[in-house]
Amino acid sequence: MEPSMKRTTLSHLRVRSLVGDRTRGQVLAGGVVIPCALGRSGMVQRKREGDGGSPLGEFRLRGGAYRPDVFAVRPRTALPLRPTRPSDGWCDAADDRRYNRPVTLPCPVSAERMWRDDGLYDLVIDLDYNRGPIRPRLGSAIFFHCARPGFTPTEGCVALKRTDLARLLRRLGPRTRMRIG
């Protein structure tokens, strides 16, 4: 990114899929095009828990977390960002009152671990999908996070190379929206 581009906060990010591979795409950030991974089912109009689809729509970036053992210093961003703890989880039990919310582990119902060994959530942003009001079984834990090597598909999130995500975060703020599709 050019130095002048780093100073301006983006109002919108656009995510589009690649022709011929619905599990891979590009994030358009101003004049920058960044490769990304999408859900294993591509982009979906009617998101359901466990379907592997990245939901179509426009979402605000609610804030997120970073692994303090990976990032010695809090990544630069105007978004709310806090250090992840080993006890952080995210409830994906569709019939539980904590569904699609952060929880403390261990949790008596199904919950995803946010402190992961695979690096996917070293830097993670909560997309405002199914967050208010939260509706059971319409999908949980839809994030903007770090990609696996080779941009293998996500479970429904949008994922970038960690260095690209950290660099892009500098241009994101509370008014930034992500349009998937």
Foldseek 3Di string as FASTA:
>chain_A
DDPVLLPAAFLEWEWDADPPQLQKTWICTPPDTFIKGFFPVHEDDQAFAQPRAAYFDKWFWQEEEAACVVPVDPQAAQHHYYYDDQQWWADCPLPDPRHQHIDGPPDPHDTGGLPDPQQFNNPKIDTCPCVVVNHGGRYHDAIETAAHPPNDGDSHHIHGHVVVVSSSRSNHHRSYMYGYD
